[in-house]
Protein backbone atom coordinates (compact mmCIF):
# COMPACT_ATOMS: atom_id res chain seq x y z
CA MET A 1 0.00 0.00 0.00
CA ASN A 2 1.59 3.26 -1.14
CA ALA A 3 1.41 6.57 0.71
CA ASP A 4 -1.52 7.91 -1.32
CA ALA A 5 -3.56 4.77 -0.77
CA LEU A 6 -2.75 4.81 2.96
CA HIS A 7 -3.77 8.47 3.19
CA ALA A 8 -7.03 7.77 1.37
CA PHE A 9 -7.76 4.83 3.67
CA GLY A 10 -7.11 6.92 6.80
CA HIS A 11 -9.24 9.76 5.46
CA ARG A 12 -12.13 7.40 4.73
CA LEU A 13 -11.80 5.71 8.10
CA PHE A 14 -11.52 8.77 10.35
CA VAL A 15 -12.34 11.96 8.45
CA ALA A 16 -14.75 11.44 5.53
CA GLN A 17 -18.08 12.78 6.72
CA ARG A 18 -21.27 10.74 6.90
CA PRO A 19 -24.70 11.08 8.58
CA ALA A 20 -24.74 10.82 12.36
CA TRP A 21 -27.61 8.31 12.65
CA PRO A 22 -25.61 5.45 14.25
CA LEU A 23 -24.33 7.79 16.96
CA ALA A 24 -27.81 9.21 17.56
CA ILE A 25 -29.38 5.76 17.89
CA ALA A 26 -26.62 4.67 20.27
CA ARG A 27 -27.08 7.88 22.28
CA VAL A 28 -30.79 7.24 22.76
CA LEU A 29 -30.23 3.65 23.87
CA ILE A 30 -27.45 4.64 26.26
CA GLY A 31 -29.71 7.36 27.67
CA ILE A 32 -32.45 4.79 28.26
CA GLY A 33 -29.90 2.52 29.93
CA ILE A 34 -28.70 5.33 32.22
CA LEU A 35 -32.29 6.19 33.15
CA GLY A 36 -33.07 2.57 33.98
CA TRP A 37 -29.83 2.21 35.93
CA SER A 38 -30.46 5.32 38.01
CA ILE A 39 -34.03 4.23 38.82
CA SER A 40 -32.94 0.71 39.78
CA MET A 41 -30.16 2.05 42.01
CA TRP A 42 -32.61 4.43 43.71
CA PHE A 43 -34.43 1.49 45.30
CA ASP A 44 -31.14 0.03 46.59
CA VAL A 45 -29.67 3.16 48.15
CA SER A 46 -30.48 2.24 51.74
CA THR A 47 -29.31 -1.34 51.28
CA LEU A 48 -26.16 -0.92 49.21
CA LEU A 49 -25.13 2.73 49.11
CA GLY A 50 -26.46 4.34 52.27
CA THR A 51 -24.69 5.21 55.49
CA ASP A 52 -26.10 2.11 57.21
CA GLY A 53 -25.99 -0.13 54.14
CA LEU A 54 -24.43 -3.58 53.88
CA LEU A 55 -21.24 -1.99 52.60
CA GLY A 56 -20.08 0.90 54.75
CA THR A 57 -18.27 3.97 53.51
CA ASP A 58 -14.97 2.30 54.44
CA THR A 59 -15.41 0.05 51.38
CA ALA A 60 -15.53 3.05 49.04
CA SER A 61 -12.69 3.46 46.58
CA SER A 62 -10.76 6.73 46.52
CA LEU A 63 -9.72 6.17 42.89
CA TRP A 64 -11.59 8.58 40.57
CA ARG A 65 -14.12 9.28 43.31
CA TRP A 66 -14.59 12.87 42.24
CA ILE A 67 -17.76 13.47 44.29
CA PRO A 68 -17.78 11.83 47.75
CA LEU A 69 -21.24 10.39 48.36
CA ASP A 70 -21.19 9.40 52.01
CA SER A 71 -24.85 9.78 52.92
CA ASP A 72 -28.22 8.57 51.67
CA VAL A 73 -29.24 12.12 50.79
CA LEU A 74 -26.17 12.78 48.64
CA VAL A 75 -26.51 9.47 46.81
CA ARG A 76 -30.18 10.10 46.06
CA LEU A 77 -29.40 13.64 44.89
CA ALA A 78 -26.72 12.27 42.55
CA LEU A 79 -29.15 9.67 41.19
CA ALA A 80 -31.84 12.32 40.64
CA VAL A 81 -29.42 14.48 38.66
CA LEU A 82 -28.28 11.38 36.76
CA ALA A 83 -31.88 10.57 35.81
CA ALA A 84 -32.41 14.15 34.64
CA SER A 85 -29.18 13.91 32.63
CA SER A 86 -30.44 10.75 30.94
CA VAL A 87 -33.60 12.54 29.78
CA ALA A 88 -31.46 15.27 28.20
CA ILE A 89 -29.32 12.60 26.55
CA ILE A 90 -32.33 10.73 25.16
CA THR A 91 -33.92 13.87 23.76
CA GLY A 92 -30.65 15.24 22.46
CA TRP A 93 -30.53 18.49 24.42
CA ARG A 94 -26.83 19.36 24.67
CA PRO A 95 -26.00 15.64 24.87
CA THR A 96 -22.22 16.06 25.01
CA ILE A 97 -22.43 18.08 28.23
CA TRP A 98 -24.97 15.74 29.81
CA LEU A 99 -23.06 12.62 28.79
CA LEU A 100 -20.02 14.01 30.62
CA VAL A 101 -22.18 14.88 33.66
CA ALA A 102 -23.66 11.37 33.60
CA PHE A 103 -20.20 9.80 33.38
CA VAL A 104 -18.88 11.76 36.38
CA LEU A 105 -21.96 10.88 38.44
CA MET A 106 -21.87 7.21 37.48
CA VAL A 107 -18.20 6.94 38.42
CA SER A 108 -18.81 8.68 41.74
CA ILE A 109 -21.77 6.44 42.59
CA GLN A 110 -20.00 3.27 41.48
CA ARG A 111 -16.81 4.08 43.41
CA ARG A 112 -18.95 4.40 46.55
CA SER A 113 -19.47 0.61 46.51
CA PRO A 114 -17.31 -0.95 43.79
CA MET A 115 -17.97 -4.45 45.15
CA ILE A 116 -21.56 -4.38 43.85
CA LEU A 117 -20.64 -3.61 40.24
CA ASN A 118 -21.16 -5.95 37.32
CA SER A 119 -19.99 -5.81 33.72
CA GLY A 120 -23.18 -4.03 32.66
CA ASP A 121 -22.45 -1.12 35.01
CA ILE A 122 -18.93 -0.79 33.65
CA ILE A 123 -19.70 -0.94 29.93
CA LEU A 124 -22.63 1.47 30.35
CA ARG A 125 -20.28 3.92 32.05
CA ASP A 126 -17.51 3.48 29.46
CA LEU A 127 -19.79 3.95 26.47
CA THR A 128 -21.24 7.06 28.12
CA LEU A 129 -17.78 8.63 28.15
CA LEU A 130 -16.94 7.56 24.60
CA LEU A 131 -20.21 8.94 23.23
CA ALA A 132 -19.43 12.24 24.95
CA LEU A 133 -16.47 12.50 22.56
CA THR A 134 -18.73 12.25 19.52
CA PRO A 135 -21.27 14.59 17.86
CA SER A 136 -24.15 12.35 18.91
CA GLY A 137 -26.57 15.28 18.88
CA ALA A 138 -26.14 15.81 15.14
CA ALA A 139 -29.26 13.73 14.44
CA MET A 140 -32.57 13.03 16.16
CA SER A 141 -32.07 15.70 18.78
CA LEU A 142 -33.60 18.82 20.29
CA ASP A 143 -30.40 20.62 19.35
CA ARG A 144 -31.25 20.03 15.68
CA VAL A 145 -34.77 21.34 16.27
CA ARG A 146 -33.51 24.45 18.02
CA ALA A 147 -31.04 25.16 15.23
CA HIS A 148 -33.10 24.26 12.15
CA GLY A 149 -36.76 23.95 13.15
CA ARG A 150 -39.13 21.14 14.09
CA ASP A 151 -38.76 19.26 10.81
CA ALA A 152 -35.03 18.85 11.46
CA PHE A 153 -35.52 16.27 14.23
CA PHE A 154 -35.46 13.40 11.73
CA THR A 155 -32.58 14.79 9.70
CA SER A 156 -28.85 14.43 10.21
CA ALA A 157 -25.82 16.61 9.86
CA MET A 158 -22.67 15.22 8.28
CA VAL A 159 -19.95 14.34 10.81
CA ALA A 160 -16.45 12.90 10.82
CA PRO A 161 -16.39 9.33 12.18
CA TRP A 162 -13.22 9.38 14.31
CA GLY A 163 -15.20 9.38 17.56
CA LEU A 164 -17.43 6.63 16.23
CA ARG A 165 -14.33 4.48 15.70
CA LEU A 166 -13.47 4.76 19.40
CA VAL A 167 -16.85 3.28 20.34
CA GLN A 168 -16.49 0.56 17.72
CA LEU A 169 -13.01 -0.35 18.92
CA GLN A 170 -14.24 -0.56 22.51
CA MET A 171 -17.02 -2.92 21.43
CA MET A 172 -14.68 -5.25 19.59
CA VAL A 173 -12.27 -5.34 22.53
CA VAL A 174 -15.16 -6.29 24.86
CA TYR A 175 -16.16 -9.18 22.60
CA VAL A 176 -12.58 -10.44 22.22
CA PHE A 177 -12.07 -10.52 25.98
CA ALA A 178 -15.54 -12.00 26.55
CA PHE A 179 -14.52 -14.87 24.29
CA TRP A 180 -11.08 -15.14 25.85
CA SER A 181 -12.54 -15.38 29.37
CA LYS A 182 -14.64 -18.39 28.34
CA SER A 183 -11.71 -20.77 27.97
CA GLY A 184 -12.71 -22.93 30.93
CA GLU A 185 -13.83 -26.54 30.86
CA LEU A 186 -17.56 -25.78 31.03
CA TRP A 187 -17.33 -23.83 27.77
CA THR A 188 -15.10 -26.27 25.93
CA ASN A 189 -17.23 -29.29 26.88
CA GLY A 190 -20.47 -27.52 25.96
CA THR A 191 -22.18 -27.43 29.38
CA ALA A 192 -21.72 -23.78 30.41
CA VAL A 193 -25.17 -22.61 29.30
CA SER A 194 -26.86 -25.49 31.11
CA THR A 195 -24.94 -24.67 34.29
CA VAL A 196 -25.84 -20.97 34.20
CA LEU A 197 -29.52 -21.63 33.50
CA ARG A 198 -29.70 -23.85 36.60
CA LEU A 199 -28.79 -20.94 38.92
CA ASP A 200 -32.20 -19.89 40.21
CA ASP A 201 -31.04 -16.56 41.64
CA LEU A 202 -29.86 -15.45 38.18
CA GLN A 203 -32.99 -16.44 36.28
CA ARG A 204 -35.28 -13.76 34.90
CA PHE A 205 -37.67 -16.21 33.27
CA ALA A 206 -37.46 -19.96 33.65
CA VAL A 207 -36.19 -21.85 30.62
CA PRO A 208 -38.02 -25.06 29.63
CA GLY A 209 -36.46 -28.04 31.32
CA PHE A 210 -35.86 -29.99 28.12
CA ILE A 211 -33.42 -27.27 26.98
CA ILE A 212 -31.43 -27.33 30.22
CA THR A 213 -31.23 -31.12 30.33
CA SER A 214 -30.58 -31.71 26.64
CA VAL A 215 -26.90 -32.33 25.95
CA LEU A 216 -27.40 -31.37 22.31
CA PHE A 217 -29.28 -28.10 22.96
CA THR A 218 -26.93 -26.86 25.65
CA ALA A 219 -23.84 -27.76 23.61
CA VAL A 220 -25.19 -25.90 20.57
CA LEU A 221 -26.09 -22.84 22.68
CA THR A 222 -22.73 -22.86 24.46
CA TRP A 223 -20.57 -23.21 21.37
CA SER A 224 -22.70 -20.84 19.27
CA THR A 225 -22.20 -18.18 21.96
CA LEU A 226 -18.44 -18.60 21.60
CA ILE A 227 -18.65 -18.44 17.81
CA VAL A 228 -20.78 -15.28 17.82
CA GLU A 229 -18.56 -13.53 20.37
CA VAL A 230 -15.30 -14.22 18.56
CA ALA A 231 -16.90 -13.23 15.25
CA LEU A 232 -18.15 -9.95 16.75
CA GLY A 233 -14.69 -9.30 18.18
CA LEU A 234 -12.76 -9.93 14.97
CA LEU A 235 -15.07 -9.51 11.99
CA LEU A 236 -17.40 -6.56 12.65
CA TRP A 237 -15.35 -4.34 10.34
CA ALA A 238 -15.79 -6.80 7.46
CA LYS A 239 -18.51 -5.09 5.41
CA PRO A 240 -20.09 -8.20 3.83
CA LEU A 241 -20.48 -9.87 7.25
CA ARG A 242 -21.42 -6.85 9.33
CA PRO A 243 -25.22 -6.84 8.85
CA TYR A 244 -25.48 -10.49 9.86
CA LEU A 245 -23.15 -10.01 12.84
CA ILE A 246 -25.17 -7.04 14.09
CA VAL A 247 -28.35 -9.14 13.97
CA LEU A 248 -26.65 -12.07 15.69
CA GLY A 249 -25.26 -9.77 18.38
CA VAL A 250 -28.67 -8.24 19.07
CA ILE A 251 -30.26 -11.70 19.26
CA LEU A 252 -27.50 -12.86 21.62
CA HIS A 253 -28.00 -9.97 24.04
CA LEU A 254 -31.81 -10.10 23.90
CA SER A 255 -31.68 -13.84 24.63
CA ILE A 256 -29.34 -13.35 27.57
CA GLY A 257 -31.43 -10.48 28.91
CA ALA A 258 -34.65 -12.48 28.60
CA THR A 259 -33.32 -15.43 30.58
CA LEU A 260 -30.75 -14.01 33.01
CA LEU A 261 -30.54 -11.06 35.39
CA VAL A 262 -27.51 -9.32 33.90
CA GLY A 263 -28.40 -5.73 34.71
CA PHE A 264 -28.00 -3.23 31.89
CA PHE A 265 -25.32 -5.12 30.00
CA GLY A 266 -27.66 -6.02 27.15
CA ILE A 267 -28.92 -2.53 26.31
CA ALA A 268 -25.41 -1.09 26.58
CA MET A 269 -23.98 -3.67 24.19
CA ILE A 270 -26.87 -3.28 21.73
CA ALA A 271 -26.27 0.48 21.82
CA GLY A 272 -22.64 -0.12 20.97
CA LEU A 273 -23.59 -2.44 18.12
CA MET A 274 -25.75 0.31 16.64
CA THR A 275 -22.60 2.32 15.90
CA PHE A 276 -21.76 -0.27 13.24
CA LEU A 277 -24.92 0.51 11.26
CA ASP A 278 -24.37 2.01 7.83
CA ALA A 279 -25.14 5.71 8.26
CA ASP A 280 -26.08 6.13 4.60
CA TRP A 281 -28.40 3.13 4.69
CA VAL A 282 -30.21 4.54 7.74
CA ASP A 283 -30.35 7.98 6.14
CA ASP A 284 -31.96 6.52 3.03
CA ARG A 285 -34.53 4.63 5.08
CA VAL A 286 -35.46 7.79 7.01
CA ARG A 287 -35.82 9.71 3.75
CA GLU A 288 -38.09 7.04 2.35
CA ARG A 289 -40.29 7.20 5.42
CA ARG A 290 -40.46 10.97 5.25
CA ARG A 291 -40.68 11.02 1.43
CA GLN A 292 -38.13 13.78 1.52
CA PRO A 293 -36.10 14.66 -1.60
CA ALA A 294 -32.39 14.06 -1.41
CA GLY A 295 -30.19 16.98 -0.48
CA GLY A 296 -30.65 17.54 3.25
CA THR A 297 -27.66 15.46 4.22
CA GLY A 298 -26.40 15.08 0.69
CA LYS A 299 -25.42 11.46 0.54
CA ARG A 300 -25.44 8.31 -1.37
CA SER A 301 -27.86 5.81 -2.84
CA SER A 302 -30.17 3.39 -1.05
CA SER A 303 -28.09 0.49 -2.33
CA ALA A 304 -25.69 0.95 0.57
CA ARG A 305 -25.63 -2.10 2.81
CA LEU A 306 -26.41 -2.29 6.53
CA SER A 307 -22.79 -1.62 7.42
CA SER A 308 -20.42 1.30 7.73
CA SER A 309 -17.24 1.74 5.76
């Protein structure tokens, strides 16, 4: 690859502008996740985060604990502001500012009792920060309405994708390490799914017994999980495969969320997967729904696939 080709590749990957729909969709989903997280934590303040909770203030971490929350009142105040921030994020009112506010509050709340965290809490927090580095309010936002009028809500500005790539890279790293962590015997012998589904305290809805007890079913579910995760970690940037991998990833997380109590991991990961949508494809679909002539965002044909270059 010569210098000109390398320059063109880098420009297309990080600079060439495209509609902001994937970022906007991810922003809305992350906002919904933050709202749900703040509401769920509200009901556990006295038990887990309060002064007289199971974990006292001596278990709090001083690392990145920017706002000390050492009383029930302060924790509830932080959660109330976090919920308000999530509404601003969902509606697209100055989302960059409110994503940063949400990140600071989530870190402060989570460092109060780090022992209660799960992977869903962490990825929701991380994606909140990464989206704050992107122009996620450039589509489907109140900021667009304020700047261009009511009809602009379902239109998109053209944005450079460098921030989008940070979110995408984070997602692929998560999937690679998720696969890597499943190298134990239960995963290699095909019984991991059966074992997890037998843990009553983790069940959201009971799975039919014939699935749990079937060697064939559980082996297929276990090994297919590994295949999907490694494919999502290594192949999401392969354009021909991307649409199918996005669908498989969404199905994987919806299935896990329907059967197991995994917090907000599913909605956070689905939000991250939305950043791999083809912005031009989404833009064309929105135009078709609105029957709007081309020109607002000035981009390509509807033949673009459900993937981003």
